[in-house]
Each structure stands twice: as C-alpha cells, then as structure tokens.
C-alpha cells in the first residue's frame, strides 16, 4: 500500500502540469475590454489582409441611413495591409494605442479620441502598437461607390520604422 501511495504522489504533480499545457494550447485569445464598443467576432473574412488577429463588430444596421460603421479591434502588433478606398474612410480611435500611415509619409500615433480623415484613393495602413491592443471605429464614406483595394503587406521593417517614432 505504501508503494502505491508513493507512486500516486509521485505522479500527481505531473498531471496538473500536463493538463495545464493542454488547456493553454486549446485556449483562444482573450480580448480585453478597451472601449465601450463591442469587440465582435474574429475577423476571419479579412484575415488574409492582416498581419495578426483582428475582431470586427458592425455598429450600424439600418441600410436607409447609408453609413456603415464598424468597431475594429487589433491585437498587439496587428496591422492591415496597405490599401485604399475609392470613397475615403474615417477612423475614430476608441481604445488602446495604434498607428496610421499614408504611403510616403511618417506614421501617426493614435490614442482614444483621435480622428483620421482619409481622402479617396490614398494608400494607407492602420493597426495596433507592438505592445498594446487597439480599437477604432471605421466609417465607410460614400458607400454606394466606395471600393476597397487591398495591396501588399506592411513589412516587418516598415512597421518597426513606423512605430519607433
């Protein structure tokens, strides 16, 4: 009996460690609440245009108002590809710290309350700081004619240069 108890007590410390590792692998990313707006669902429909994970929550639903608005949440280091909108876009930072950059210009650090007005056709990207979550409301301007064109990824070198300022 003592031999069996020794085996049980020798094995018991291993069980929680193994179970903990299994659970850690199965866990999904916990998105922190960084603004009053909903986080929404993981943005799998556009994941090919993002480096890292993002979440998307529609904020408007009445098509007669014709003002599509979404809360977009980025995990630390996540950013979207270079892209442009034929109808323009407005971003309103609502949580965390992020960045916005137009091609050929220095990046702009975004904090809650900052507003970015993006003219039609301007190539740009936006996303989170390397060590912070970020959330912004994206407003689609001129939705009847606004088309989004996705371009190349923002390279790690471009991103590192943009966020060091």
N, C-alpha and C. Protein backbone atom coordinates (compact mmCIF):
# COMPACT_ATOMS: atom_id res chain seq x y z
N UNK A 1 0.82 -1.20 0.00
CA UNK A 1 0.00 0.00 0.00
C UNK A 1 0.87 1.27 0.00
N UNK A 2 1.93 1.28 0.79
CA UNK A 2 2.82 2.45 0.84
C UNK A 2 3.46 2.66 -0.52
N UNK A 3 3.81 1.56 -1.19
CA UNK A 3 4.41 1.67 -2.52
C UNK A 3 3.43 2.32 -3.51
N UNK A 4 2.17 1.97 -3.45
CA UNK A 4 1.15 2.55 -4.33
C UNK A 4 0.98 4.04 -4.04
N UNK A 5 0.93 4.41 -2.76
CA UNK A 5 0.81 5.82 -2.39
C UNK A 5 2.00 6.63 -2.88
N UNK A 6 3.21 6.07 -2.79
CA UNK A 6 4.39 6.76 -3.29
C UNK A 6 4.28 7.02 -4.79
N UNK A 7 3.77 6.04 -5.52
CA UNK A 7 3.61 6.20 -6.97
C UNK A 7 2.57 7.28 -7.27
N UNK A 8 1.44 7.25 -6.55
CA UNK A 8 0.38 8.25 -6.77
C UNK A 8 0.92 9.64 -6.49
N UNK A 9 1.61 9.83 -5.36
CA UNK A 9 2.11 11.16 -5.01
C UNK A 9 3.25 11.60 -5.94
N UNK A 10 3.94 10.65 -6.53
CA UNK A 10 5.00 10.99 -7.49
C UNK A 10 4.39 11.46 -8.82
N UNK A 11 3.25 10.89 -9.18
CA UNK A 11 2.61 11.21 -10.46
C UNK A 11 1.71 12.44 -10.37
N UNK A 12 1.09 12.70 -9.22
CA UNK A 12 0.15 13.80 -9.07
C UNK A 12 0.69 15.16 -9.51
N UNK A 13 1.91 15.55 -9.16
CA UNK A 13 2.40 16.86 -9.61
C UNK A 13 2.51 16.98 -11.13
N UNK A 14 2.67 15.88 -11.83
CA UNK A 14 2.81 15.91 -13.29
C UNK A 14 1.46 16.15 -13.97
N UNK A 15 0.39 15.61 -13.39
CA UNK A 15 -0.93 15.69 -14.01
C UNK A 15 -1.38 17.14 -14.23
N UNK A 16 -1.34 18.03 -13.22
CA UNK A 16 -1.77 19.41 -13.47
C UNK A 16 -0.89 20.12 -14.50
N UNK A 17 0.38 19.83 -14.52
CA UNK A 17 1.28 20.47 -15.50
C UNK A 17 0.88 20.05 -16.90
N UNK A 18 0.68 18.77 -17.11
CA UNK A 18 0.30 18.29 -18.44
C UNK A 18 -1.07 18.83 -18.83
N UNK A 19 -2.02 18.82 -17.89
CA UNK A 19 -3.36 19.33 -18.18
C UNK A 19 -3.30 20.83 -18.47
N UNK A 20 -2.47 21.56 -17.74
CA UNK A 20 -2.32 22.99 -17.97
C UNK A 20 -1.78 23.28 -19.35
N UNK A 21 -0.82 22.50 -19.80
CA UNK A 21 -0.27 22.70 -21.14
C UNK A 21 -1.31 22.41 -22.20
N UNK A 22 -2.10 21.39 -22.00
CA UNK A 22 -3.14 21.05 -22.96
C UNK A 22 -4.17 22.17 -23.03
N UNK A 23 -4.60 22.68 -21.88
CA UNK A 23 -5.58 23.76 -21.86
C UNK A 23 -5.02 25.03 -22.49
N UNK A 24 -3.77 25.34 -22.26
CA UNK A 24 -3.16 26.54 -22.84
C UNK A 24 -3.18 26.46 -24.36
N UNK A 25 -2.97 25.28 -24.91
CA UNK A 25 -2.97 25.12 -26.36
C UNK A 25 -4.37 25.28 -26.94
N UNK A 26 -5.38 24.91 -26.15
CA UNK A 26 -6.75 24.96 -26.65
C UNK A 26 -7.42 26.31 -26.42
N UNK A 27 -6.83 27.16 -25.58
CA UNK A 27 -7.45 28.43 -25.25
C UNK A 27 -7.40 29.39 -26.43
N UNK A 28 -8.46 30.20 -26.58
CA UNK A 28 -8.47 31.26 -27.57
C UNK A 28 -7.92 32.54 -26.93
N UNK A 29 -7.52 33.47 -27.78
CA UNK A 29 -7.02 34.74 -27.29
C UNK A 29 -8.14 35.47 -26.55
N UNK A 30 -7.87 35.93 -25.36
CA UNK A 30 -8.85 36.71 -24.58
C UNK A 30 -8.67 38.17 -24.97
N UNK A 31 -9.71 38.75 -25.55
CA UNK A 31 -9.65 40.13 -25.99
C UNK A 31 -10.05 41.03 -24.82
N UNK A 32 -9.18 41.94 -24.42
CA UNK A 32 -9.53 42.82 -23.29
C UNK A 32 -10.56 43.87 -23.71
N UNK A 33 -11.32 44.32 -22.76
CA UNK A 33 -12.32 45.38 -22.99
C UNK A 33 -11.59 46.71 -22.91
N UNK A 34 -11.30 47.33 -24.07
CA UNK A 34 -10.54 48.59 -24.08
C UNK A 34 -11.38 49.78 -24.51
N UNK A 35 -12.65 49.55 -24.84
CA UNK A 35 -13.54 50.65 -25.19
C UNK A 35 -14.97 50.28 -24.82
N UNK A 36 -15.88 51.22 -24.96
CA UNK A 36 -17.28 50.95 -24.64
C UNK A 36 -17.99 50.21 -25.77
N UNK A 37 -17.35 50.08 -26.91
CA UNK A 37 -17.96 49.44 -28.06
C UNK A 37 -17.73 47.93 -28.05
N UNK A 38 -18.63 47.17 -28.67
CA UNK A 38 -18.46 45.72 -28.71
C UNK A 38 -17.24 45.32 -29.53
N UNK A 39 -16.64 44.20 -29.16
CA UNK A 39 -15.46 43.69 -29.89
C UNK A 39 -15.90 42.95 -31.14
N UNK A 40 -16.98 42.22 -31.06
CA UNK A 40 -17.46 41.46 -32.21
C UNK A 40 -16.77 40.13 -32.35
N UNK A 41 -16.78 39.61 -33.54
CA UNK A 41 -16.22 38.29 -33.84
C UNK A 41 -14.85 38.43 -34.48
N UNK A 42 -14.07 37.35 -34.35
CA UNK A 42 -12.76 37.36 -35.00
C UNK A 42 -12.97 37.62 -36.50
N UNK A 43 -12.15 38.47 -37.05
CA UNK A 43 -12.28 38.96 -38.42
C UNK A 43 -11.68 37.97 -39.42
N UNK A 44 -12.26 36.78 -39.49
CA UNK A 44 -11.72 35.73 -40.35
C UNK A 44 -11.98 36.02 -41.84
N UNK A 45 -13.01 36.78 -42.15
CA UNK A 45 -13.32 37.09 -43.54
C UNK A 45 -12.27 37.95 -44.23
N UNK A 46 -11.50 38.69 -43.43
CA UNK A 46 -10.47 39.57 -44.00
C UNK A 46 -9.08 39.23 -43.47
N UNK A 47 -8.93 38.07 -42.81
CA UNK A 47 -7.65 37.76 -42.16
C UNK A 47 -6.47 37.73 -43.14
N UNK A 48 -6.73 37.45 -44.41
CA UNK A 48 -5.62 37.42 -45.38
C UNK A 48 -5.04 38.82 -45.63
N UNK A 49 -5.74 39.86 -45.18
CA UNK A 49 -5.28 41.23 -45.36
C UNK A 49 -4.71 41.83 -44.08
N UNK A 50 -4.49 41.00 -43.06
CA UNK A 50 -3.98 41.46 -41.77
C UNK A 50 -2.77 40.65 -41.36
N UNK A 51 -1.82 41.29 -40.73
CA UNK A 51 -0.72 40.61 -40.06
C UNK A 51 -1.13 40.58 -38.59
N UNK A 52 -1.48 39.42 -38.06
CA UNK A 52 -2.01 39.29 -36.71
C UNK A 52 -3.52 39.17 -36.74
N UNK A 53 -4.12 39.07 -35.55
CA UNK A 53 -5.57 38.88 -35.45
C UNK A 53 -6.30 40.19 -35.18
N UNK A 54 -7.50 40.26 -35.75
CA UNK A 54 -8.38 41.41 -35.51
C UNK A 54 -9.80 40.90 -35.30
N UNK A 55 -10.63 41.77 -34.73
CA UNK A 55 -12.04 41.47 -34.46
C UNK A 55 -12.88 42.59 -35.04
N UNK A 56 -14.09 42.25 -35.51
CA UNK A 56 -14.94 43.20 -36.21
C UNK A 56 -16.36 43.18 -35.64
N UNK A 57 -16.86 44.36 -35.29
CA UNK A 57 -18.23 44.49 -34.78
C UNK A 57 -18.98 45.56 -35.56
N UNK A 58 -20.00 45.17 -36.33
CA UNK A 58 -20.81 46.19 -37.00
C UNK A 58 -21.53 47.05 -35.96
N UNK A 59 -21.55 48.36 -36.16
CA UNK A 59 -22.20 49.26 -35.22
C UNK A 59 -23.50 49.84 -35.77
N UNK A 60 -23.69 49.78 -37.08
CA UNK A 60 -24.92 50.28 -37.69
C UNK A 60 -25.57 49.15 -38.49
N UNK A 61 -26.90 49.19 -38.55
CA UNK A 61 -27.60 48.12 -39.26
C UNK A 61 -28.69 48.64 -40.19
N UNK A 62 -29.04 49.92 -40.10
CA UNK A 62 -30.12 50.47 -40.89
C UNK A 62 -29.60 50.91 -42.26
N UNK A 63 -29.90 50.14 -43.32
CA UNK A 63 -29.36 50.49 -44.64
C UNK A 63 -29.89 51.81 -45.18
N UNK A 64 -31.04 52.27 -44.70
CA UNK A 64 -31.57 53.54 -45.21
C UNK A 64 -30.74 54.74 -44.73
N UNK A 65 -29.96 54.56 -43.67
CA UNK A 65 -29.07 55.63 -43.20
C UNK A 65 -27.81 55.72 -44.05
N UNK A 66 -27.41 54.60 -44.64
CA UNK A 66 -26.29 54.57 -45.57
C UNK A 66 -24.97 55.05 -44.94
N UNK A 67 -24.71 54.63 -43.68
CA UNK A 67 -23.46 54.99 -43.00
C UNK A 67 -22.90 53.73 -42.32
N UNK A 68 -22.21 52.89 -43.08
CA UNK A 68 -21.62 51.70 -42.46
C UNK A 68 -20.50 52.08 -41.48
N UNK A 69 -20.62 51.57 -40.25
CA UNK A 69 -19.62 51.83 -39.21
C UNK A 69 -19.30 50.51 -38.51
N UNK A 70 -18.01 50.30 -38.22
CA UNK A 70 -17.55 49.08 -37.59
C UNK A 70 -16.54 49.40 -36.50
N UNK A 71 -16.60 48.67 -35.40
CA UNK A 71 -15.52 48.74 -34.43
C UNK A 71 -14.53 47.65 -34.80
N UNK A 72 -13.29 48.02 -35.01
CA UNK A 72 -12.24 47.07 -35.35
C UNK A 72 -11.25 47.04 -34.19
N UNK A 73 -10.97 45.85 -33.68
CA UNK A 73 -10.02 45.69 -32.58
C UNK A 73 -8.84 44.87 -33.07
N UNK A 74 -7.64 45.35 -32.77
CA UNK A 74 -6.39 44.72 -33.21
C UNK A 74 -5.63 44.21 -31.99
N UNK A 75 -5.10 42.99 -32.07
CA UNK A 75 -4.21 42.53 -31.01
C UNK A 75 -2.88 43.26 -31.14
N UNK A 76 -2.04 43.27 -30.10
CA UNK A 76 -0.75 43.96 -30.19
C UNK A 76 0.04 43.52 -31.44
N UNK A 77 0.56 44.49 -32.16
CA UNK A 77 1.36 44.21 -33.35
C UNK A 77 0.56 43.96 -34.62
N UNK A 78 -0.75 43.81 -34.51
CA UNK A 78 -1.58 43.55 -35.69
C UNK A 78 -1.74 44.82 -36.50
N UNK A 79 -1.68 44.66 -37.81
CA UNK A 79 -1.95 45.78 -38.72
C UNK A 79 -2.52 45.22 -40.01
N UNK A 80 -3.25 46.08 -40.74
CA UNK A 80 -3.77 45.61 -42.02
C UNK A 80 -2.77 45.94 -43.12
N UNK A 81 -3.00 45.37 -44.28
CA UNK A 81 -2.15 45.63 -45.45
C UNK A 81 -2.31 47.07 -45.90
N UNK A 82 -1.38 47.50 -46.73
CA UNK A 82 -1.58 48.76 -47.45
C UNK A 82 -2.87 48.59 -48.23
N UNK A 83 -3.67 49.65 -48.30
CA UNK A 83 -4.91 49.59 -49.06
C UNK A 83 -5.40 51.01 -49.35
N UNK A 84 -6.44 51.09 -50.17
CA UNK A 84 -7.06 52.39 -50.48
C UNK A 84 -8.56 52.18 -50.67
N UNK A 85 -9.30 53.27 -50.48
CA UNK A 85 -10.76 53.26 -50.64
C UNK A 85 -11.12 54.32 -51.68
N UNK A 86 -11.94 53.96 -52.66
CA UNK A 86 -12.32 54.94 -53.68
C UNK A 86 -13.22 56.03 -53.11
N UNK A 87 -13.91 55.75 -51.99
CA UNK A 87 -14.80 56.74 -51.38
C UNK A 87 -14.26 57.37 -50.12
N UNK A 88 -13.04 57.00 -49.72
CA UNK A 88 -12.46 57.52 -48.50
C UNK A 88 -12.89 56.74 -47.26
N UNK A 89 -12.37 57.14 -46.11
CA UNK A 89 -12.64 56.46 -44.86
C UNK A 89 -12.37 57.42 -43.70
N UNK A 90 -13.08 57.23 -42.61
CA UNK A 90 -12.82 57.97 -41.38
C UNK A 90 -12.55 56.94 -40.28
N UNK A 91 -11.49 57.17 -39.50
CA UNK A 91 -11.16 56.32 -38.36
C UNK A 91 -11.29 57.16 -37.09
N UNK A 92 -11.90 56.59 -36.06
CA UNK A 92 -12.01 57.25 -34.76
C UNK A 92 -11.42 56.29 -33.73
N UNK A 93 -10.27 56.64 -33.17
CA UNK A 93 -9.62 55.78 -32.18
C UNK A 93 -10.46 55.79 -30.89
N UNK A 94 -10.73 54.58 -30.36
CA UNK A 94 -11.59 54.49 -29.17
C UNK A 94 -10.95 53.71 -28.02
N UNK A 95 -9.82 53.06 -28.25
CA UNK A 95 -9.19 52.32 -27.17
C UNK A 95 -7.77 51.90 -27.50
N UNK A 96 -6.91 51.90 -26.49
CA UNK A 96 -5.53 51.46 -26.68
C UNK A 96 -4.69 52.46 -27.45
N UNK A 97 -3.63 51.93 -28.08
CA UNK A 97 -2.70 52.76 -28.86
C UNK A 97 -2.51 52.12 -30.23
N UNK A 98 -2.63 52.93 -31.27
CA UNK A 98 -2.46 52.42 -32.62
C UNK A 98 -1.64 53.36 -33.48
N UNK A 99 -1.55 53.00 -34.75
CA UNK A 99 -0.82 53.80 -35.72
C UNK A 99 -1.58 53.85 -37.04
N UNK A 100 -1.39 54.96 -37.74
CA UNK A 100 -1.94 55.16 -39.07
C UNK A 100 -0.81 55.73 -39.92
N UNK A 101 -0.67 55.22 -41.15
CA UNK A 101 0.37 55.75 -42.02
C UNK A 101 -0.12 55.81 -43.46
N UNK A 102 0.12 56.95 -44.09
CA UNK A 102 -0.10 57.09 -45.52
C UNK A 102 1.21 56.81 -46.22
N UNK A 103 1.12 56.21 -47.38
CA UNK A 103 2.34 55.88 -48.12
C UNK A 103 3.16 57.14 -48.38
N UNK A 104 4.47 57.04 -48.06
CA UNK A 104 5.38 58.15 -48.29
C UNK A 104 5.43 59.18 -47.17
N UNK A 105 4.63 58.98 -46.12
CA UNK A 105 4.61 59.93 -45.01
C UNK A 105 4.96 59.21 -43.71
N UNK A 106 5.29 59.98 -42.69
CA UNK A 106 5.57 59.40 -41.37
C UNK A 106 4.28 58.88 -40.76
N UNK A 107 4.40 57.83 -39.96
CA UNK A 107 3.24 57.27 -39.27
C UNK A 107 2.76 58.22 -38.19
N UNK A 108 1.49 58.12 -37.89
CA UNK A 108 0.86 58.93 -36.85
C UNK A 108 0.40 58.01 -35.72
N UNK A 109 0.79 58.31 -34.51
CA UNK A 109 0.37 57.54 -33.33
C UNK A 109 -1.07 57.94 -33.00
N UNK A 110 -1.92 56.94 -32.74
CA UNK A 110 -3.33 57.19 -32.46
C UNK A 110 -3.69 56.79 -31.03
N UNK A 111 -4.38 57.70 -30.34
CA UNK A 111 -4.88 57.47 -28.99
C UNK A 111 -6.38 57.72 -28.99
N UNK A 112 -7.11 57.20 -27.98
CA UNK A 112 -8.56 57.39 -27.95
C UNK A 112 -8.94 58.86 -28.12
N UNK A 113 -9.89 59.10 -29.02
CA UNK A 113 -10.34 60.46 -29.34
C UNK A 113 -9.75 61.01 -30.61
N UNK A 114 -8.66 60.42 -31.10
CA UNK A 114 -8.06 60.89 -32.36
C UNK A 114 -8.95 60.50 -33.54
N UNK A 115 -9.05 61.40 -34.51
CA UNK A 115 -9.84 61.17 -35.72
C UNK A 115 -8.92 61.29 -36.92
N UNK A 116 -9.05 60.34 -37.85
CA UNK A 116 -8.26 60.36 -39.08
C UNK A 116 -9.23 60.43 -40.26
N UNK A 117 -9.08 61.46 -41.09
CA UNK A 117 -9.88 61.59 -42.30
C UNK A 117 -9.00 61.18 -43.48
N UNK A 118 -9.41 60.12 -44.17
CA UNK A 118 -8.61 59.57 -45.25
C UNK A 118 -9.31 59.88 -46.58
N UNK A 119 -8.66 60.67 -47.40
CA UNK A 119 -9.24 61.08 -48.68
C UNK A 119 -9.34 59.87 -49.63
N UNK A 120 -10.28 59.92 -50.57
CA UNK A 120 -10.40 58.83 -51.54
C UNK A 120 -9.07 58.59 -52.27
N UNK A 121 -8.76 57.31 -52.45
CA UNK A 121 -7.58 56.91 -53.21
C UNK A 121 -6.25 56.95 -52.49
N UNK A 122 -6.21 57.40 -51.24
CA UNK A 122 -4.96 57.49 -50.50
C UNK A 122 -4.55 56.11 -49.98
N UNK A 123 -3.36 55.67 -50.34
CA UNK A 123 -2.85 54.38 -49.86
C UNK A 123 -2.37 54.53 -48.43
N UNK A 124 -2.80 53.60 -47.56
CA UNK A 124 -2.52 53.71 -46.13
C UNK A 124 -2.64 52.34 -45.47
N UNK A 125 -2.26 52.30 -44.20
CA UNK A 125 -2.49 51.14 -43.33
C UNK A 125 -2.76 51.67 -41.92
N UNK A 126 -3.34 50.82 -41.08
CA UNK A 126 -3.56 51.16 -39.67
C UNK A 126 -3.54 49.89 -38.84
N UNK A 127 -3.18 50.04 -37.57
CA UNK A 127 -3.12 48.88 -36.69
C UNK A 127 -2.66 49.24 -35.30
N UNK A 128 -2.37 48.21 -34.52
CA UNK A 128 -2.02 48.38 -33.11
C UNK A 128 -0.54 48.64 -32.91
N UNK A 129 -0.23 49.24 -31.76
CA UNK A 129 1.16 49.36 -31.32
C UNK A 129 1.70 47.95 -31.05
N UNK A 130 3.02 47.78 -31.04
CA UNK A 130 3.58 46.44 -30.85
C UNK A 130 3.21 45.80 -29.51
N UNK A 131 2.98 46.61 -28.49
CA UNK A 131 2.76 46.06 -27.15
C UNK A 131 1.41 46.44 -26.54
N UNK A 132 0.48 46.92 -27.37
CA UNK A 132 -0.84 47.31 -26.86
C UNK A 132 -1.95 46.92 -27.82
N UNK A 133 -3.11 46.59 -27.26
CA UNK A 133 -4.31 46.39 -28.05
C UNK A 133 -4.75 47.75 -28.58
N UNK A 134 -5.51 47.75 -29.68
CA UNK A 134 -6.00 48.99 -30.26
C UNK A 134 -7.38 48.75 -30.86
N UNK A 135 -8.23 49.76 -30.74
CA UNK A 135 -9.57 49.67 -31.30
C UNK A 135 -9.94 51.01 -31.93
N UNK A 136 -10.54 50.95 -33.12
CA UNK A 136 -11.03 52.17 -33.76
C UNK A 136 -12.37 51.89 -34.43
N UNK A 137 -13.14 52.94 -34.59
CA UNK A 137 -14.36 52.86 -35.38
C UNK A 137 -13.96 53.24 -36.80
N UNK A 138 -14.35 52.40 -37.75
CA UNK A 138 -14.10 52.68 -39.16
C UNK A 138 -15.44 53.08 -39.79
N UNK A 139 -15.45 54.24 -40.43
CA UNK A 139 -16.64 54.74 -41.11
C UNK A 139 -16.37 54.69 -42.61
N UNK A 140 -17.22 53.99 -43.33
CA UNK A 140 -17.07 53.89 -44.77
C UNK A 140 -17.75 55.10 -45.41
N UNK A 141 -16.99 55.92 -46.08
CA UNK A 141 -17.52 57.11 -46.72
C UNK A 141 -18.01 56.78 -48.13
N UNK A 142 -19.04 57.48 -48.57
CA UNK A 142 -19.58 57.28 -49.92
C UNK A 142 -19.80 55.79 -50.25
N UNK A 143 -20.53 55.07 -49.40
CA UNK A 143 -20.61 53.61 -49.53
C UNK A 143 -21.19 53.11 -50.85
N UNK A 144 -22.02 53.89 -51.51
CA UNK A 144 -22.61 53.43 -52.78
C UNK A 144 -21.55 53.23 -53.86
N UNK A 145 -20.45 53.99 -53.77
CA UNK A 145 -19.41 53.89 -54.80
C UNK A 145 -18.05 53.52 -54.23
N UNK A 146 -17.97 53.31 -52.92
CA UNK A 146 -16.67 53.07 -52.27
C UNK A 146 -16.22 51.62 -52.49
N UNK A 147 -15.08 51.47 -53.11
CA UNK A 147 -14.48 50.14 -53.29
C UNK A 147 -13.13 50.15 -52.60
N UNK A 148 -12.83 49.04 -51.94
CA UNK A 148 -11.58 48.88 -51.21
C UNK A 148 -10.63 48.04 -52.06
N UNK A 149 -9.41 48.50 -52.23
CA UNK A 149 -8.39 47.73 -52.95
C UNK A 149 -7.29 47.38 -51.97
N UNK A 150 -7.11 46.07 -51.73
CA UNK A 150 -6.05 45.61 -50.83
C UNK A 150 -4.76 45.48 -51.60
N UNK A 151 -3.68 45.93 -50.99
CA UNK A 151 -2.36 45.92 -51.61
C UNK A 151 -1.44 45.00 -50.79
N UNK A 152 -0.13 45.18 -50.90
CA UNK A 152 0.83 44.30 -50.24
C UNK A 152 0.84 44.48 -48.72
N UNK A 153 1.37 43.49 -48.05
CA UNK A 153 1.52 43.55 -46.59
C UNK A 153 2.47 44.68 -46.20
N UNK A 154 2.25 45.23 -45.02
CA UNK A 154 3.20 46.16 -44.42
C UNK A 154 4.32 45.26 -43.87
N UNK A 155 5.51 45.43 -44.39
CA UNK A 155 6.61 44.56 -43.97
C UNK A 155 6.96 44.80 -42.50
N UNK A 156 7.64 43.84 -41.90
CA UNK A 156 8.08 44.00 -40.52
C UNK A 156 9.02 45.19 -40.39
N UNK A 157 9.84 45.45 -41.41
CA UNK A 157 10.75 46.58 -41.39
C UNK A 157 9.99 47.90 -41.46
N UNK A 158 8.99 47.99 -42.35
CA UNK A 158 8.17 49.20 -42.45
C UNK A 158 7.45 49.47 -41.13
N UNK A 159 6.90 48.40 -40.54
CA UNK A 159 6.16 48.53 -39.29
C UNK A 159 7.08 48.99 -38.17
N UNK A 160 8.26 48.36 -38.04
CA UNK A 160 9.21 48.73 -37.00
C UNK A 160 9.63 50.20 -37.13
N UNK A 161 9.86 50.63 -38.35
CA UNK A 161 10.23 52.04 -38.58
C UNK A 161 9.08 52.97 -38.20
N UNK A 162 7.86 52.60 -38.55
CA UNK A 162 6.69 53.44 -38.28
C UNK A 162 6.44 53.62 -36.78
N UNK A 163 6.60 52.56 -36.00
CA UNK A 163 6.22 52.62 -34.58
C UNK A 163 7.34 53.09 -33.66
N UNK A 164 8.53 53.31 -34.21
CA UNK A 164 9.63 53.75 -33.33
C UNK A 164 9.61 55.26 -33.12
N UNK A 165 8.80 55.97 -33.86
CA UNK A 165 8.73 57.44 -33.77
C UNK A 165 7.97 57.88 -32.55
